[in-house]
């Protein structure tokens, strides 16, 4: 049985989708039903051909963390869905935490 994860304005939910080539992240306020902000690895302009997917995920987390800091959001709830917490998911979370945001 899976516990339902909900976020609110002070502690929004971060939803992650991982495809074979890209990673997509949304920060959602479930009370109002709004997407606060989002980012994906498609939006990174300086992707190297040799940059690994783990490094891309870290960079996505770093940029998303900076966007959240501008919005004055300090805490998140992580919704990793059915993905295991390793590899790209862990790298994304480390990128967000490196800016100072907690979950």
PDB file of N, CA and C in Angstrom:
ATOM      1  N   UNK A   1       0.834  -1.174   0.000  1.00  0.00           N
ATOM      2  CA  UNK A   1       0.000   0.000   0.000  1.00  0.00           C
ATOM      3  C   UNK A   1       0.882   1.241   0.000  1.00  0.00           C
ATOM      4  N   UNK A   2       0.525   2.202  -0.804  1.00  0.00           N
ATOM      5  CA  UNK A   2       1.323   3.418  -0.946  1.00  0.00           C
ATOM      6  C   UNK A   2       0.655   4.575  -0.214  1.00  0.00           C
ATOM      7  N   UNK A   3       1.451   5.291   0.543  1.00  0.00           N
ATOM      8  CA  UNK A   3       0.950   6.461   1.252  1.00  0.00           C
ATOM      9  C   UNK A   3       0.838   7.627   0.272  1.00  0.00           C
ATOM     10  N   UNK A   4      -0.252   8.373   0.344  1.00  0.00           N
ATOM     11  CA  UNK A   4      -0.448   9.518  -0.537  1.00  0.00           C
ATOM     12  C   UNK A   4       0.336  10.707  -0.001  1.00  0.00           C
ATOM     13  N   UNK A   5       1.159  11.300  -0.837  1.00  0.00           N
ATOM     14  CA  UNK A   5       2.009  12.419  -0.446  1.00  0.00           C
ATOM     15  C   UNK A   5       1.351  13.705  -0.923  1.00  0.00           C
ATOM     16  N   UNK A   6       1.151  14.643   0.010  1.00  0.00           N
ATOM     17  CA  UNK A   6       0.553  15.936  -0.321  1.00  0.00           C
ATOM     18  C   UNK A   6       1.458  17.062   0.155  1.00  0.00           C
ATOM     19  N   UNK A   7       1.447  18.137  -0.584  1.00  0.00           N
ATOM     20  CA  UNK A   7       2.210  19.315  -0.206  1.00  0.00           C
ATOM     21  C   UNK A   7       1.296  20.512  -0.039  1.00  0.00           C
ATOM     22  N   UNK A   8       1.775  21.520   0.677  1.00  0.00           N
ATOM     23  CA  UNK A   8       1.001  22.751   0.845  1.00  0.00           C
ATOM     24  C   UNK A   8       1.883  23.938   0.479  1.00  0.00           C
ATOM     25  N   UNK A   9       1.411  25.154   0.773  1.00  0.00           N
ATOM     26  CA  UNK A   9       2.151  26.343   0.359  1.00  0.00           C
ATOM     27  C   UNK A   9       3.506  26.451   1.045  1.00  0.00           C
ATOM     28  N   UNK A  10       3.572  26.126   2.354  1.00  0.00           N
ATOM     29  CA  UNK A  10       4.839  26.226   3.072  1.00  0.00           C
ATOM     30  C   UNK A  10       5.793  25.085   2.733  1.00  0.00           C
ATOM     31  N   UNK A  11       5.242  23.921   2.424  1.00  0.00           N
ATOM     32  CA  UNK A  11       6.054  22.740   2.140  1.00  0.00           C
ATOM     33  C   UNK A  11       5.479  22.030   0.907  1.00  0.00           C
ATOM     34  N   UNK A  12       5.757  22.552  -0.303  1.00  0.00           N
ATOM     35  CA  UNK A  12       5.173  21.957  -1.506  1.00  0.00           C
ATOM     36  C   UNK A  12       5.796  20.607  -1.850  1.00  0.00           C
ATOM     37  N   UNK A  13       5.091  19.869  -2.690  1.00  0.00           N
ATOM     38  CA  UNK A  13       5.529  18.541  -3.117  1.00  0.00           C
ATOM     39  C   UNK A  13       6.361  18.670  -4.385  1.00  0.00           C
ATOM     40  N   UNK A  14       7.475  17.945  -4.434  1.00  0.00           N
ATOM     41  CA  UNK A  14       8.300  17.926  -5.642  1.00  0.00           C
ATOM     42  C   UNK A  14       8.068  16.588  -6.335  1.00  0.00           C
ATOM     43  N   UNK A  15       7.531  16.648  -7.543  1.00  0.00           N
ATOM     44  CA  UNK A  15       7.199  15.463  -8.319  1.00  0.00           C
ATOM     45  C   UNK A  15       8.263  15.260  -9.397  1.00  0.00           C
ATOM     46  N   UNK A  16       8.741  14.038  -9.520  1.00  0.00           N
ATOM     47  CA  UNK A  16       9.841  13.723 -10.441  1.00  0.00           C
ATOM     48  C   UNK A  16       9.365  12.719 -11.472  1.00  0.00           C
ATOM     49  N   UNK A  17       9.705  12.973 -12.738  1.00  0.00           N
ATOM     50  CA  UNK A  17       9.500  11.993 -13.804  1.00  0.00           C
ATOM     51  C   UNK A  17      10.829  11.786 -14.499  1.00  0.00           C
ATOM     52  N   UNK A  18      11.193  10.535 -14.668  1.00  0.00           N
ATOM     53  CA  UNK A  18      12.473  10.183 -15.271  1.00  0.00           C
ATOM     54  C   UNK A  18      12.203   9.346 -16.517  1.00  0.00           C
ATOM     55  N   UNK A  19      12.670   9.830 -17.663  1.00  0.00           N
ATOM     56  CA  UNK A  19      12.585   9.038 -18.884  1.00  0.00           C
ATOM     57  C   UNK A  19      13.965   8.464 -19.173  1.00  0.00           C
ATOM     58  N   UNK A  20      14.108   7.809 -20.303  1.00  0.00           N
ATOM     59  CA  UNK A  20      15.412   7.218 -20.629  1.00  0.00           C
ATOM     60  C   UNK A  20      16.484   8.263 -20.863  1.00  0.00           C
ATOM     61  N   UNK A  21      16.104   9.431 -21.388  1.00  0.00           N
ATOM     62  CA  UNK A  21      17.097  10.457 -21.723  1.00  0.00           C
ATOM     63  C   UNK A  21      16.994  11.719 -20.891  1.00  0.00           C
ATOM     64  N   UNK A  22      15.838  12.046 -20.352  1.00  0.00           N
ATOM     65  CA  UNK A  22      15.618  13.323 -19.665  1.00  0.00           C
ATOM     66  C   UNK A  22      15.092  13.085 -18.253  1.00  0.00           C
ATOM     67  N   UNK A  23      15.105  14.161 -17.462  1.00  0.00           N
ATOM     68  CA  UNK A  23      14.481  14.153 -16.141  1.00  0.00           C
ATOM     69  C   UNK A  23      13.665  15.439 -16.012  1.00  0.00           C
ATOM     70  N   UNK A  24      12.440  15.302 -15.505  1.00  0.00           N
ATOM     71  CA  UNK A  24      11.510  16.415 -15.390  1.00  0.00           C
ATOM     72  C   UNK A  24      11.095  16.553 -13.924  1.00  0.00           C
ATOM     73  N   UNK A  25      11.011  17.796 -13.442  1.00  0.00           N
ATOM     74  CA  UNK A  25      10.679  18.057 -12.047  1.00  0.00           C
ATOM     75  C   UNK A  25       9.622  19.151 -11.977  1.00  0.00           C
ATOM     76  N   UNK A  26       8.608  18.942 -11.120  1.00  0.00           N
ATOM     77  CA  UNK A  26       7.584  19.950 -10.860  1.00  0.00           C
ATOM     78  C   UNK A  26       7.478  20.156  -9.364  1.00  0.00           C
ATOM     79  N   UNK A  27       7.277  21.388  -8.939  1.00  0.00           N
ATOM     80  CA  UNK A  27       7.008  21.702  -7.543  1.00  0.00           C
ATOM     81  C   UNK A  27       5.542  22.107  -7.483  1.00  0.00           C
ATOM     82  N   UNK A  28       4.751  21.341  -6.710  1.00  0.00           N
ATOM     83  CA  UNK A  28       3.298  21.461  -6.749  1.00  0.00           C
ATOM     84  C   UNK A  28       2.745  21.810  -5.371  1.00  0.00           C
ATOM     85  N   UNK A  29       1.810  22.755  -5.338  1.00  0.00           N
ATOM     86  CA  UNK A  29       1.027  23.067  -4.144  1.00  0.00           C
ATOM     87  C   UNK A  29      -0.297  22.326  -4.288  1.00  0.00           C
ATOM     88  N   UNK A  30      -0.479  21.234  -3.545  1.00  0.00           N
ATOM     89  CA  UNK A  30      -1.665  20.391  -3.701  1.00  0.00           C
ATOM     90  C   UNK A  30      -2.931  21.006  -3.122  1.00  0.00           C
ATOM     91  N   UNK A  31      -2.805  21.917  -2.178  1.00  0.00           N
ATOM     92  CA  UNK A  31      -3.986  22.543  -1.584  1.00  0.00           C
ATOM     93  C   UNK A  31      -4.696  23.406  -2.624  1.00  0.00           C
ATOM     94  N   UNK A  32      -3.925  24.227  -3.335  1.00  0.00           N
ATOM     95  CA  UNK A  32      -4.498  25.073  -4.384  1.00  0.00           C
ATOM     96  C   UNK A  32      -4.541  24.383  -5.739  1.00  0.00           C
ATOM     97  N   UNK A  33      -3.753  23.322  -5.911  1.00  0.00           N
ATOM     98  CA  UNK A  33      -3.709  22.611  -7.181  1.00  0.00           C
ATOM     99  C   UNK A  33      -2.887  23.333  -8.229  1.00  0.00           C
ATOM    100  N   UNK A  34      -1.876  24.093  -7.793  1.00  0.00           N
ATOM    101  CA  UNK A  34      -1.044  24.867  -8.715  1.00  0.00           C
ATOM    102  C   UNK A  34       0.359  24.301  -8.794  1.00  0.00           C
ATOM    103  N   UNK A  35       0.962  24.438  -9.963  1.00  0.00           N
ATOM    104  CA  UNK A  35       2.381  24.151 -10.116  1.00  0.00           C
ATOM    105  C   UNK A  35       3.136  25.434  -9.788  1.00  0.00           C
ATOM    106  N   UNK A  36       3.981  25.378  -8.757  1.00  0.00           N
ATOM    107  CA  UNK A  36       4.733  26.559  -8.332  1.00  0.00           C
ATOM    108  C   UNK A  36       5.821  26.867  -9.350  1.00  0.00           C
ATOM    109  N   UNK A  37       6.629  25.863  -9.683  1.00  0.00           N
ATOM    110  CA  UNK A  37       7.668  26.006 -10.686  1.00  0.00           C
ATOM    111  C   UNK A  37       8.017  24.630 -11.225  1.00  0.00           C
ATOM    112  N   UNK A  38       8.697  24.606 -12.350  1.00  0.00           N
ATOM    113  CA  UNK A  38       9.123  23.335 -12.932  1.00  0.00           C
ATOM    114  C   UNK A  38      10.426  23.548 -13.694  1.00  0.00           C
ATOM    115  N   UNK A  39      11.106  22.446 -13.947  1.00  0.00           N
ATOM    116  CA  UNK A  39      12.342  22.499 -14.711  1.00  0.00           C
ATOM    117  C   UNK A  39      12.627  21.109 -15.262  1.00  0.00           C
ATOM    118  N   UNK A  40      13.378  21.043 -16.351  1.00  0.00           N
ATOM    119  CA  UNK A  40      13.756  19.753 -16.918  1.00  0.00           C
ATOM    120  C   UNK A  40      15.143  19.833 -17.527  1.00  0.00           C
ATOM    121  N   UNK A  41      15.698  18.678 -17.805  1.00  0.00           N
ATOM    122  CA  UNK A  41      17.034  18.639 -18.394  1.00  0.00           C
ATOM    123  C   UNK A  41      17.015  19.096 -19.853  1.00  0.00           C
ATOM    124  N   UNK A  42      15.848  19.193 -20.465  1.00  0.00           N
ATOM    125  CA  UNK A  42      15.746  19.729 -21.824  1.00  0.00           C
ATOM    126  C   UNK A  42      16.069  21.215 -21.873  1.00  0.00           C
ATOM    127  N   UNK A  43      15.860  21.912 -20.742  1.00  0.00           N
ATOM    128  CA  UNK A  43      16.065  23.354 -20.701  1.00  0.00           C
ATOM    129  C   UNK A  43      17.508  23.754 -20.439  1.00  0.00           C
ATOM    130  N   UNK A  44      18.363  22.800 -20.138  1.00  0.00           N
ATOM    131  CA  UNK A  44      19.772  23.116 -19.908  1.00  0.00           C
ATOM    132  C   UNK A  44      20.422  23.339 -21.266  1.00  0.00           C
ATOM    133  N   UNK A  45      20.978  24.527 -21.465  1.00  0.00           N
ATOM    134  CA  UNK A  45      21.508  24.887 -22.781  1.00  0.00           C
ATOM    135  C   UNK A  45      22.901  24.335 -23.030  1.00  0.00           C
ATOM    136  N   UNK A  46      23.726  24.266 -21.998  1.00  0.00           N
ATOM    137  CA  UNK A  46      25.115  23.880 -22.212  1.00  0.00           C
ATOM    138  C   UNK A  46      25.367  22.398 -21.920  1.00  0.00           C
ATOM    139  N   UNK A  47      24.453  21.545 -22.400  1.00  0.00           N
ATOM    140  CA  UNK A  47      24.630  20.103 -22.199  1.00  0.00           C
ATOM    141  C   UNK A  47      25.762  19.627 -23.105  1.00  0.00           C
ATOM    142  N   UNK A  48      26.714  19.010 -22.487  1.00  0.00           N
ATOM    143  CA  UNK A  48      27.820  18.402 -23.203  1.00  0.00           C
ATOM    144  C   UNK A  48      27.365  17.049 -23.729  1.00  0.00           C
ATOM    145  N   UNK A  49      27.932  16.615 -24.813  1.00  0.00           N
ATOM    146  CA  UNK A  49      27.644  15.269 -25.300  1.00  0.00           C
ATOM    147  C   UNK A  49      28.178  14.227 -24.320  1.00  0.00           C
ATOM    148  N   UNK A  50      29.230  14.578 -23.582  1.00  0.00           N
ATOM    149  CA  UNK A  50      29.845  13.638 -22.654  1.00  0.00           C
ATOM    150  C   UNK A  50      29.288  13.760 -21.232  1.00  0.00           C
ATOM    151  N   UNK A  51      28.378  14.710 -20.987  1.00  0.00           N
ATOM    152  CA  UNK A  51      27.806  14.871 -19.650  1.00  0.00           C
ATOM    153  C   UNK A  51      26.891  13.689 -19.349  1.00  0.00           C
ATOM    154  N   UNK A  52      27.128  13.033 -18.230  1.00  0.00           N
ATOM    155  CA  UNK A  52      26.315  11.872 -17.879  1.00  0.00           C
ATOM    156  C   UNK A  52      24.941  12.326 -17.398  1.00  0.00           C
ATOM    157  N   UNK A  53      24.016  11.372 -17.358  1.00  0.00           N
ATOM    158  CA  UNK A  53      22.659  11.689 -16.915  1.00  0.00           C
ATOM    159  C   UNK A  53      22.640  12.047 -15.430  1.00  0.00           C
ATOM    160  N   UNK A  54      23.556  11.478 -14.671  1.00  0.00           N
ATOM    161  CA  UNK A  54      23.629  11.803 -13.242  1.00  0.00           C
ATOM    162  C   UNK A  54      24.078  13.250 -13.052  1.00  0.00           C
ATOM    163  N   UNK A  55      25.045  13.701 -13.844  1.00  0.00           N
ATOM    164  CA  UNK A  55      25.494  15.093 -13.764  1.00  0.00           C
ATOM    165  C   UNK A  55      24.395  16.041 -14.240  1.00  0.00           C
ATOM    166  N   UNK A  56      23.644  15.629 -15.270  1.00  0.00           N
ATOM    167  CA  UNK A  56      22.513  16.437 -15.735  1.00  0.00           C
ATOM    168  C   UNK A  56      21.475  16.584 -14.629  1.00  0.00           C
ATOM    169  N   UNK A  57      21.192  15.493 -13.917  1.00  0.00           N
ATOM    170  CA  UNK A  57      20.210  15.524 -12.839  1.00  0.00           C
ATOM    171  C   UNK A  57      20.659  16.445 -11.716  1.00  0.00           C
ATOM    172  N   UNK A  58      21.947  16.409 -11.384  1.00  0.00           N
ATOM    173  CA  UNK A  58      22.468  17.292 -10.349  1.00  0.00           C
ATOM    174  C   UNK A  58      22.299  18.747 -10.755  1.00  0.00           C
ATOM    175  N   UNK A  59      22.586  19.039 -12.024  1.00  0.00           N
ATOM    176  CA  UNK A  59      22.469  20.412 -12.519  1.00  0.00           C
ATOM    177  C   UNK A  59      21.008  20.874 -12.527  1.00  0.00           C
ATOM    178  N   UNK A  60      20.092  19.981 -12.876  1.00  0.00           N
ATOM    179  CA  UNK A  60      18.659  20.310 -12.830  1.00  0.00           C
ATOM    180  C   UNK A  60      18.248  20.621 -11.399  1.00  0.00           C
ATOM    181  N   UNK A  61      18.715  19.826 -10.438  1.00  0.00           N
ATOM    182  CA  UNK A  61      18.411  20.072  -9.035  1.00  0.00           C
ATOM    183  C   UNK A  61      18.983  21.383  -8.542  1.00  0.00           C
ATOM    184  N   UNK A  62      20.180  21.698  -8.980  1.00  0.00           N
ATOM    185  CA  UNK A  62      20.829  22.941  -8.585  1.00  0.00           C
ATOM    186  C   UNK A  62      20.057  24.154  -9.105  1.00  0.00           C
ATOM    187  N   UNK A  63      19.679  24.128 -10.369  1.00  0.00           N
ATOM    188  CA  UNK A  63      18.939  25.242 -10.969  1.00  0.00           C
ATOM    189  C   UNK A  63      17.544  25.356 -10.355  1.00  0.00           C
ATOM    190  N   UNK A  64      16.885  24.210 -10.122  1.00  0.00           N
ATOM    191  CA  UNK A  64      15.574  24.237  -9.485  1.00  0.00           C
ATOM    192  C   UNK A  64      15.677  24.777  -8.066  1.00  0.00           C
ATOM    193  N   UNK A  65      16.720  24.394  -7.349  1.00  0.00           N
ATOM    194  CA  UNK A  65      16.933  24.909  -5.996  1.00  0.00           C
ATOM    195  C   UNK A  65      17.105  26.417  -5.972  1.00  0.00           C
ATOM    196  N   UNK A  66      17.818  26.948  -6.959  1.00  0.00           N
ATOM    197  CA  UNK A  66      17.990  28.405  -7.044  1.00  0.00           C
ATOM    198  C   UNK A  66      16.666  29.103  -7.339  1.00  0.00           C
ATOM    199  N   UNK A  67      15.838  28.489  -8.194  1.00  0.00           N
ATOM    200  CA  UNK A  67      14.521  29.055  -8.475  1.00  0.00           C
ATOM    201  C   UNK A  67      13.649  29.055  -7.224  1.00  0.00           C
ATOM    202  N   UNK A  68      13.738  27.978  -6.435  1.00  0.00           N
ATOM    203  CA  UNK A  68      12.948  27.880  -5.213  1.00  0.00           C
ATOM    204  C   UNK A  68      13.424  28.871  -4.160  1.00  0.00           C
ATOM    205  N   UNK A  69      14.728  29.112  -4.126  1.00  0.00           N
ATOM    206  CA  UNK A  69      15.262  30.074  -3.172  1.00  0.00           C
ATOM    207  C   UNK A  69      14.758  31.486  -3.487  1.00  0.00           C
ATOM    208  N   UNK A  70      14.625  31.817  -4.769  1.00  0.00           N
ATOM    209  CA  UNK A  70      14.073  33.115  -5.154  1.00  0.00           C
ATOM    210  C   UNK A  70      12.606  33.243  -4.732  1.00  0.00           C
ATOM    211  N   UNK A  71      11.894  32.108  -4.732  1.00  0.00           N
ATOM    212  CA  UNK A  71      10.495  32.099  -4.311  1.00  0.00           C
ATOM    213  C   UNK A  71      10.352  31.977  -2.795  1.00  0.00           C
ATOM    214  N   UNK A  72      11.483  31.925  -2.078  1.00  0.00           N
ATOM    215  CA  UNK A  72      11.536  31.842  -0.612  1.00  0.00           C
ATOM    216  C   UNK A  72      10.895  30.572  -0.076  1.00  0.00           C
ATOM    217  N   UNK A  73      11.104  29.462  -0.782  1.00  0.00           N
ATOM    218  CA  UNK A  73      10.652  28.149  -0.319  1.00  0.00           C
ATOM    219  C   UNK A  73      11.860  27.442   0.275  1.00  0.00           C
ATOM    220  N   UNK A  74      11.728  27.008   1.540  1.00  0.00           N
ATOM    221  CA  UNK A  74      12.865  26.423   2.248  1.00  0.00           C
ATOM    222  C   UNK A  74      12.723  24.933   2.496  1.00  0.00           C
ATOM    223  N   UNK A  75      11.503  24.400   2.415  1.00  0.00           N
ATOM    224  CA  UNK A  75      11.266  22.983   2.678  1.00  0.00           C
ATOM    225  C   UNK A  75      10.398  22.388   1.580  1.00  0.00           C
ATOM    226  N   UNK A  76      10.635  21.112   1.288  1.00  0.00           N
ATOM    227  CA  UNK A  76       9.885  20.392   0.266  1.00  0.00           C
ATOM    228  C   UNK A  76       9.492  19.020   0.787  1.00  0.00           C
ATOM    229  N   UNK A  77       8.533  18.393   0.115  1.00  0.00           N
ATOM    230  CA  UNK A  77       8.184  16.997   0.330  1.00  0.00           C
ATOM    231  C   UNK A  77       8.544  16.271  -0.962  1.00  0.00           C
ATOM    232  N   UNK A  78       9.372  15.240  -0.873  1.00  0.00           N
ATOM    233  CA  UNK A  78       9.846  14.532  -2.060  1.00  0.00           C
ATOM    234  C   UNK A  78       8.871  13.421  -2.437  1.00  0.00           C
ATOM    235  N   UNK A  79       8.367  13.471  -3.673  1.00  0.00           N
ATOM    236  CA  UNK A  79       7.507  12.424  -4.224  1.00  0.00           C
ATOM    237  C   UNK A  79       8.276  11.773  -5.360  1.00  0.00           C
ATOM    238  N   UNK A  80       8.957  10.684  -5.056  1.00  0.00           N
ATOM    239  CA  UNK A  80       9.792  10.016  -6.054  1.00  0.00           C
ATOM    240  C   UNK A  80       9.023   8.933  -6.806  1.00  0.00           C
ATOM    241  N   UNK A  81       7.756   8.791  -6.502  1.00  0.00           N
ATOM    242  CA  UNK A  81       6.865   7.801  -7.103  1.00  0.00           C
ATOM    243  C   UNK A  81       7.417   6.400  -6.881  1.00  0.00           C
ATOM    244  N   UNK A  82       7.553   5.604  -7.915  1.00  0.00           N
ATOM    245  CA  UNK A  82       8.050   4.235  -7.761  1.00  0.00           C
ATOM    246  C   UNK A  82       9.537   4.108  -8.037  1.00  0.00           C
ATOM    247  N   UNK A  83      10.221   5.243  -8.210  1.00  0.00           N
ATOM    248  CA  UNK A  83      11.654   5.196  -8.491  1.00  0.00           C
ATOM    249  C   UNK A  83      12.435   4.941  -7.204  1.00  0.00           C
ATOM    250  N   UNK A  84      13.489   4.158  -7.312  1.00  0.00           N
ATOM    251  CA  UNK A  84      14.363   3.937  -6.169  1.00  0.00           C
ATOM    252  C   UNK A  84      15.192   5.195  -5.917  1.00  0.00           C
ATOM    253  N   UNK A  85      15.555   5.398  -4.650  1.00  0.00           N
ATOM    254  CA  UNK A  85      16.332   6.592  -4.291  1.00  0.00           C
ATOM    255  C   UNK A  85      17.819   6.300  -4.493  1.00  0.00           C
ATOM    256  N   UNK A  86      18.237   6.303  -5.734  1.00  0.00           N
ATOM    257  CA  UNK A  86      19.654   6.183  -6.078  1.00  0.00           C
ATOM    258  C   UNK A  86      19.833   6.693  -7.495  1.00  0.00           C
ATOM    259  N   UNK A  87      21.053   6.860  -7.917  1.00  0.00           N
ATOM    260  CA  UNK A  87      21.327   7.302  -9.274  1.00  0.00           C
ATOM    261  C   UNK A  87      20.847   8.714  -9.544  1.00  0.00           C
ATOM    262  N   UNK A  88      20.020   8.861 -10.566  1.00  0.00           N
ATOM    263  CA  UNK A  88      19.579  10.193 -10.987  1.00  0.00           C
ATOM    264  C   UNK A  88      18.666  10.869  -9.972  1.00  0.00           C
ATOM    265  N   UNK A  89      17.826  10.101  -9.286  1.00  0.00           N
ATOM    266  CA  UNK A  89      16.933  10.682  -8.296  1.00  0.00           C
ATOM    267  C   UNK A  89      17.741  11.233  -7.121  1.00  0.00           C
ATOM    268  N   UNK A  90      18.715  10.468  -6.654  1.00  0.00           N
ATOM    269  CA  UNK A  90      19.558  10.919  -5.546  1.00  0.00           C
ATOM    270  C   UNK A  90      20.385  12.132  -5.958  1.00  0.00           C
ATOM    271  N   UNK A  91      20.900  12.125  -7.173  1.00  0.00           N
ATOM    272  CA  UNK A  91      21.690  13.242  -7.673  1.00  0.00           C
ATOM    273  C   UNK A  91      20.851  14.515  -7.751  1.00  0.00           C
ATOM    274  N   UNK A  92      19.610  14.389  -8.201  1.00  0.00           N
ATOM    275  CA  UNK A  92      18.699  15.534  -8.251  1.00  0.00           C
ATOM    276  C   UNK A  92      18.456  16.081  -6.846  1.00  0.00           C
ATOM    277  N   UNK A  93      18.192  15.197  -5.899  1.00  0.00           N
ATOM    278  CA  UNK A  93      17.959  15.624  -4.516  1.00  0.00           C
ATOM    279  C   UNK A  93      19.203  16.283  -3.924  1.00  0.00           C
ATOM    280  N   UNK A  94      20.383  15.761  -4.228  1.00  0.00           N
ATOM    281  CA  UNK A  94      21.628  16.359  -3.743  1.00  0.00           C
ATOM    282  C   UNK A  94      21.827  17.760  -4.318  1.00  0.00           C
ATOM    283  N   UNK A  95      21.442  17.952  -5.575  1.00  0.00           N
ATOM    284  CA  UNK A  95      21.527  19.264  -6.201  1.00  0.00           C
ATOM    285  C   UNK A  95      20.630  20.286  -5.520  1.00  0.00           C
ATOM    286  N   UNK A  96      19.428  19.846  -5.160  1.00  0.00           N
ATOM    287  CA  UNK A  96      18.500  20.749  -4.470  1.00  0.00           C
ATOM    288  C   UNK A  96      19.001  21.052  -3.062  1.00  0.00           C
ATOM    289  N   UNK A  97      19.507  20.038  -2.382  1.00  0.00           N
ATOM    290  CA  UNK A  97      20.012  20.233  -1.020  1.00  0.00           C
ATOM    291  C   UNK A  97      21.262  21.105  -0.975  1.00  0.00           C
ATOM    292  N   UNK A  98      22.054  21.100  -2.043  1.00  0.00           N
ATOM    293  CA  UNK A  98      23.300  21.886  -2.065  1.00  0.00           C
ATOM    294  C   UNK A  98      23.034  23.390  -1.986  1.00  0.00           C
ATOM    295  N   UNK A  99      21.832  23.806  -2.354  1.00  0.00           N
ATOM    296  CA  UNK A  99      21.457  25.217  -2.286  1.00  0.00           C
ATOM    297  C   UNK A  99      20.983  25.585  -0.886  1.00  0.00           C
ATOM    298  N   UNK A 100      20.581  24.590  -0.087  1.00  0.00           N
ATOM    299  CA  UNK A 100      20.158  24.854   1.282  1.00  0.00           C
ATOM    300  C   UNK A 100      18.696  24.538   1.529  1.00  0.00           C
ATOM    301  N   UNK A 101      18.037  23.902   0.589  1.00  0.00           N
ATOM    302  CA  UNK A 101      16.625  23.542   0.757  1.00  0.00           C
ATOM    303  C   UNK A 101      16.553  22.149   1.371  1.00  0.00           C
ATOM    304  N   UNK A 102      15.626  21.972   2.298  1.00  0.00           N
ATOM    305  CA  UNK A 102      15.528  20.707   3.036  1.00  0.00           C
ATOM    306  C   UNK A 102      14.268  19.963   2.683  1.00  0.00           C
ATOM    307  N   UNK A 103      14.369  18.609   2.782  1.00  0.00           N
ATOM    308  CA  UNK A 103      13.182  17.741   2.715  1.00  0.00           C
ATOM    309  C   UNK A 103      13.450  16.457   3.416  1.00  0.00           C
TER     310      UNK A 103
END
